[in-house]
N, C-alpha and C. Protein backbone atom coordinates (compact mmCIF):
# COMPACT_ATOMS: atom_id res chain seq x y z
N MET A 1 16.55 -24.58 -10.94
CA MET A 1 15.84 -25.32 -9.90
C MET A 1 14.35 -24.98 -9.94
N PRO A 2 13.53 -25.99 -10.01
CA PRO A 2 12.09 -25.74 -10.04
C PRO A 2 11.56 -25.01 -8.80
N LYS A 3 12.09 -25.33 -7.64
CA LYS A 3 11.59 -24.67 -6.43
C LYS A 3 11.90 -23.19 -6.45
N GLU A 4 13.07 -22.84 -6.94
CA GLU A 4 13.44 -21.43 -7.03
C GLU A 4 12.54 -20.71 -8.04
N THR A 5 12.24 -21.38 -9.13
CA THR A 5 11.34 -20.82 -10.13
C THR A 5 9.96 -20.59 -9.53
N ILE A 6 9.47 -21.55 -8.77
CA ILE A 6 8.16 -21.40 -8.14
C ILE A 6 8.18 -20.25 -7.14
N LYS A 7 9.22 -20.15 -6.34
CA LYS A 7 9.33 -19.05 -5.38
C LYS A 7 9.31 -17.70 -6.09
N ASN A 8 10.06 -17.60 -7.19
CA ASN A 8 10.08 -16.36 -7.95
C ASN A 8 8.71 -16.04 -8.54
N SER A 9 8.04 -17.07 -9.04
CA SER A 9 6.70 -16.88 -9.61
C SER A 9 5.70 -16.46 -8.54
N LEU A 10 5.79 -17.05 -7.36
CA LEU A 10 4.90 -16.66 -6.27
C LEU A 10 5.13 -15.21 -5.86
N SER A 11 6.38 -14.81 -5.85
CA SER A 11 6.71 -13.42 -5.53
C SER A 11 6.13 -12.48 -6.59
N GLU A 12 6.26 -12.88 -7.85
CA GLU A 12 5.70 -12.07 -8.94
C GLU A 12 4.17 -12.02 -8.85
N LEU A 13 3.55 -13.14 -8.50
CA LEU A 13 2.10 -13.18 -8.35
C LEU A 13 1.65 -12.22 -7.26
N ARG A 14 2.34 -12.24 -6.14
CA ARG A 14 1.99 -11.33 -5.05
C ARG A 14 2.16 -9.87 -5.46
N SER A 15 3.18 -9.59 -6.22
CA SER A 15 3.39 -8.22 -6.71
C SER A 15 2.23 -7.77 -7.59
N HIS A 16 1.79 -8.65 -8.49
CA HIS A 16 0.66 -8.32 -9.35
C HIS A 16 -0.62 -8.15 -8.54
N LEU A 17 -0.82 -8.99 -7.55
CA LEU A 17 -2.01 -8.86 -6.70
C LEU A 17 -1.98 -7.55 -5.92
N ASP A 18 -0.82 -7.20 -5.40
CA ASP A 18 -0.69 -5.96 -4.64
C ASP A 18 -0.93 -4.74 -5.52
N ALA A 19 -0.51 -4.81 -6.76
CA ALA A 19 -0.62 -3.68 -7.67
C ALA A 19 -2.01 -3.57 -8.31
N ASN A 20 -2.78 -4.64 -8.29
CA ASN A 20 -4.05 -4.67 -8.99
C ASN A 20 -5.20 -4.59 -8.00
N VAL A 21 -5.77 -3.42 -7.87
CA VAL A 21 -6.86 -3.22 -6.92
C VAL A 21 -8.20 -3.75 -7.45
N HIS A 22 -8.24 -4.15 -8.71
CA HIS A 22 -9.49 -4.60 -9.31
C HIS A 22 -9.74 -6.10 -9.14
N VAL A 23 -8.85 -6.79 -8.45
CA VAL A 23 -9.07 -8.21 -8.17
C VAL A 23 -10.06 -8.32 -7.02
N ASP A 24 -11.07 -9.14 -7.23
CA ASP A 24 -12.09 -9.37 -6.20
C ASP A 24 -11.42 -9.82 -4.90
N PRO A 25 -11.79 -9.23 -3.76
CA PRO A 25 -11.16 -9.59 -2.48
C PRO A 25 -11.24 -11.08 -2.16
N ALA A 26 -12.35 -11.73 -2.48
CA ALA A 26 -12.47 -13.16 -2.21
C ALA A 26 -11.50 -13.95 -3.09
N GLU A 27 -11.36 -13.54 -4.35
CA GLU A 27 -10.42 -14.22 -5.24
C GLU A 27 -8.97 -13.97 -4.81
N ARG A 28 -8.71 -12.75 -4.36
CA ARG A 28 -7.37 -12.43 -3.86
C ARG A 28 -7.03 -13.35 -2.69
N GLU A 29 -7.98 -13.53 -1.80
CA GLU A 29 -7.79 -14.40 -0.64
C GLU A 29 -7.56 -15.86 -1.08
N THR A 30 -8.31 -16.29 -2.08
CA THR A 30 -8.15 -17.65 -2.60
C THR A 30 -6.75 -17.85 -3.18
N LEU A 31 -6.29 -16.88 -3.96
CA LEU A 31 -4.94 -16.98 -4.55
C LEU A 31 -3.86 -16.95 -3.47
N GLU A 32 -4.06 -16.14 -2.45
CA GLU A 32 -3.10 -16.10 -1.36
C GLU A 32 -3.06 -17.43 -0.60
N ALA A 33 -4.22 -18.05 -0.44
CA ALA A 33 -4.29 -19.35 0.23
C ALA A 33 -3.61 -20.43 -0.62
N LEU A 34 -3.84 -20.40 -1.93
CA LEU A 34 -3.17 -21.35 -2.82
C LEU A 34 -1.65 -21.16 -2.78
N SER A 35 -1.22 -19.92 -2.77
CA SER A 35 0.22 -19.63 -2.68
C SER A 35 0.80 -20.16 -1.38
N ALA A 36 0.08 -19.97 -0.30
CA ALA A 36 0.55 -20.45 1.00
C ALA A 36 0.65 -21.98 1.01
N ARG A 37 -0.34 -22.66 0.42
CA ARG A 37 -0.30 -24.13 0.34
C ARG A 37 0.91 -24.59 -0.46
N LEU A 38 1.18 -23.91 -1.55
CA LEU A 38 2.31 -24.27 -2.39
C LEU A 38 3.62 -24.05 -1.65
N GLU A 39 3.75 -22.94 -0.95
CA GLU A 39 4.96 -22.68 -0.17
C GLU A 39 5.15 -23.73 0.92
N LEU A 40 4.08 -24.11 1.57
CA LEU A 40 4.15 -25.12 2.62
C LEU A 40 4.61 -26.47 2.05
N MET A 41 4.06 -26.84 0.91
CA MET A 41 4.46 -28.11 0.30
C MET A 41 5.95 -28.08 -0.08
N MET A 42 6.42 -26.96 -0.58
CA MET A 42 7.84 -26.86 -0.95
C MET A 42 8.73 -26.92 0.29
N ALA A 43 8.30 -26.29 1.37
CA ALA A 43 9.10 -26.27 2.59
C ALA A 43 9.19 -27.64 3.23
N GLU A 44 8.11 -28.42 3.13
CA GLU A 44 8.08 -29.74 3.74
C GLU A 44 8.81 -30.78 2.91
N GLU A 45 9.12 -30.45 1.66
CA GLU A 45 9.80 -31.37 0.76
C GLU A 45 9.11 -32.73 0.72
N LYS A 46 7.82 -32.69 0.59
CA LYS A 46 7.04 -33.93 0.52
C LYS A 46 7.31 -34.66 -0.78
N GLU A 47 7.20 -35.96 -0.70
CA GLU A 47 7.34 -36.76 -1.91
C GLU A 47 6.04 -36.74 -2.71
N HIS A 48 4.92 -36.63 -2.02
CA HIS A 48 3.61 -36.59 -2.67
C HIS A 48 3.00 -35.22 -2.45
N TRP A 49 2.85 -34.50 -3.52
CA TRP A 49 2.31 -33.15 -3.46
C TRP A 49 0.79 -33.20 -3.58
N ASP A 50 0.17 -32.13 -3.21
CA ASP A 50 -1.28 -31.98 -3.30
C ASP A 50 -1.66 -31.78 -4.76
N GLU A 51 -2.13 -32.85 -5.40
CA GLU A 51 -2.45 -32.78 -6.83
C GLU A 51 -3.66 -31.89 -7.10
N ASN A 52 -4.51 -31.68 -6.14
CA ASN A 52 -5.66 -30.80 -6.33
C ASN A 52 -5.22 -29.35 -6.53
N LEU A 53 -4.04 -29.03 -6.06
CA LEU A 53 -3.54 -27.67 -6.19
C LEU A 53 -3.42 -27.27 -7.66
N VAL A 54 -2.91 -28.14 -8.49
CA VAL A 54 -2.78 -27.83 -9.92
C VAL A 54 -4.16 -27.60 -10.54
N ASP A 55 -5.12 -28.43 -10.18
CA ASP A 55 -6.49 -28.24 -10.70
C ASP A 55 -7.04 -26.88 -10.29
N GLU A 56 -6.82 -26.51 -9.06
CA GLU A 56 -7.31 -25.22 -8.58
C GLU A 56 -6.60 -24.07 -9.28
N LEU A 57 -5.31 -24.21 -9.50
CA LEU A 57 -4.56 -23.17 -10.22
C LEU A 57 -5.06 -23.05 -11.66
N GLU A 58 -5.34 -24.18 -12.30
CA GLU A 58 -5.86 -24.15 -13.67
C GLU A 58 -7.21 -23.42 -13.74
N LYS A 59 -8.05 -23.61 -12.75
CA LYS A 59 -9.33 -22.90 -12.70
C LYS A 59 -9.10 -21.39 -12.60
N ARG A 60 -8.08 -21.00 -11.86
CA ARG A 60 -7.78 -19.58 -11.68
C ARG A 60 -7.26 -18.96 -12.99
N VAL A 61 -6.52 -19.73 -13.76
CA VAL A 61 -6.04 -19.23 -15.06
C VAL A 61 -7.24 -18.87 -15.93
N ILE A 62 -8.21 -19.77 -16.00
CA ILE A 62 -9.41 -19.52 -16.80
C ILE A 62 -10.14 -18.28 -16.29
N LEU A 63 -10.23 -18.15 -14.99
CA LEU A 63 -10.93 -17.02 -14.39
C LEU A 63 -10.25 -15.69 -14.69
N TYR A 64 -8.92 -15.69 -14.70
CA TYR A 64 -8.18 -14.43 -14.81
C TYR A 64 -7.72 -14.08 -16.21
N GLU A 65 -7.71 -15.01 -17.15
CA GLU A 65 -7.04 -14.73 -18.41
C GLU A 65 -7.62 -13.56 -19.19
N GLU A 66 -8.88 -13.27 -19.05
CA GLU A 66 -9.44 -12.15 -19.81
C GLU A 66 -9.21 -10.81 -19.11
N ASP A 67 -9.53 -10.74 -17.82
CA ASP A 67 -9.46 -9.46 -17.11
C ASP A 67 -8.09 -9.16 -16.50
N HIS A 68 -7.34 -10.20 -16.20
CA HIS A 68 -6.04 -10.02 -15.54
C HIS A 68 -5.00 -10.95 -16.19
N PRO A 69 -4.63 -10.66 -17.44
CA PRO A 69 -3.74 -11.56 -18.17
C PRO A 69 -2.36 -11.76 -17.53
N MET A 70 -1.84 -10.76 -16.85
CA MET A 70 -0.53 -10.90 -16.22
C MET A 70 -0.61 -11.90 -15.06
N ILE A 71 -1.68 -11.84 -14.30
CA ILE A 71 -1.86 -12.79 -13.20
C ILE A 71 -2.03 -14.20 -13.77
N ALA A 72 -2.81 -14.33 -14.83
CA ALA A 72 -3.01 -15.63 -15.47
C ALA A 72 -1.68 -16.18 -16.00
N ARG A 73 -0.85 -15.32 -16.57
CA ARG A 73 0.44 -15.76 -17.10
C ARG A 73 1.33 -16.31 -15.99
N VAL A 74 1.35 -15.64 -14.85
CA VAL A 74 2.18 -16.10 -13.73
C VAL A 74 1.66 -17.44 -13.20
N ILE A 75 0.36 -17.57 -13.10
CA ILE A 75 -0.21 -18.84 -12.63
C ILE A 75 0.13 -19.97 -13.61
N ARG A 76 0.05 -19.67 -14.92
CA ARG A 76 0.43 -20.67 -15.93
C ARG A 76 1.90 -21.08 -15.77
N GLN A 77 2.72 -20.10 -15.47
CA GLN A 77 4.14 -20.36 -15.25
C GLN A 77 4.34 -21.32 -14.07
N ILE A 78 3.60 -21.12 -13.01
CA ILE A 78 3.67 -21.99 -11.84
C ILE A 78 3.23 -23.40 -12.22
N ILE A 79 2.12 -23.50 -12.95
CA ILE A 79 1.61 -24.81 -13.38
C ILE A 79 2.64 -25.54 -14.24
N THR A 80 3.25 -24.82 -15.17
CA THR A 80 4.28 -25.43 -16.04
C THR A 80 5.43 -25.96 -15.22
N THR A 81 5.86 -25.19 -14.23
CA THR A 81 6.97 -25.63 -13.38
C THR A 81 6.56 -26.86 -12.58
N LEU A 82 5.36 -26.85 -12.02
CA LEU A 82 4.88 -28.01 -11.26
C LEU A 82 4.81 -29.24 -12.16
N ASN A 83 4.35 -29.06 -13.39
CA ASN A 83 4.28 -30.18 -14.33
C ASN A 83 5.67 -30.71 -14.66
N SER A 84 6.64 -29.82 -14.71
CA SER A 84 8.02 -30.25 -15.05
C SER A 84 8.64 -31.10 -13.95
N ILE A 85 8.11 -31.00 -12.73
CA ILE A 85 8.63 -31.85 -11.64
C ILE A 85 7.71 -33.03 -11.37
N GLY A 86 6.77 -33.24 -12.30
CA GLY A 86 5.95 -34.44 -12.23
C GLY A 86 4.65 -34.32 -11.47
N LEU A 87 4.20 -33.12 -11.23
CA LEU A 87 2.95 -32.96 -10.51
C LEU A 87 1.80 -32.71 -11.46
């Protein structure tokens, strides 16, 4: 199930954020806000998802891939799952 995969990925993302003290506080807040938006969309079972969310997640992958590759990998995993459900 894609939603279960996304939930697991969000949990993994939070674990990496909690464990990584070197993430900029403003960026941490941005990722937490993106995670909350994604959880809200899943809970509401909307037919039309916020397409800007994927764009914002893709920007975060670019930002994190060099300094925080594990965080970037989890975000990529979320994007792949969202793409698999047509977003």
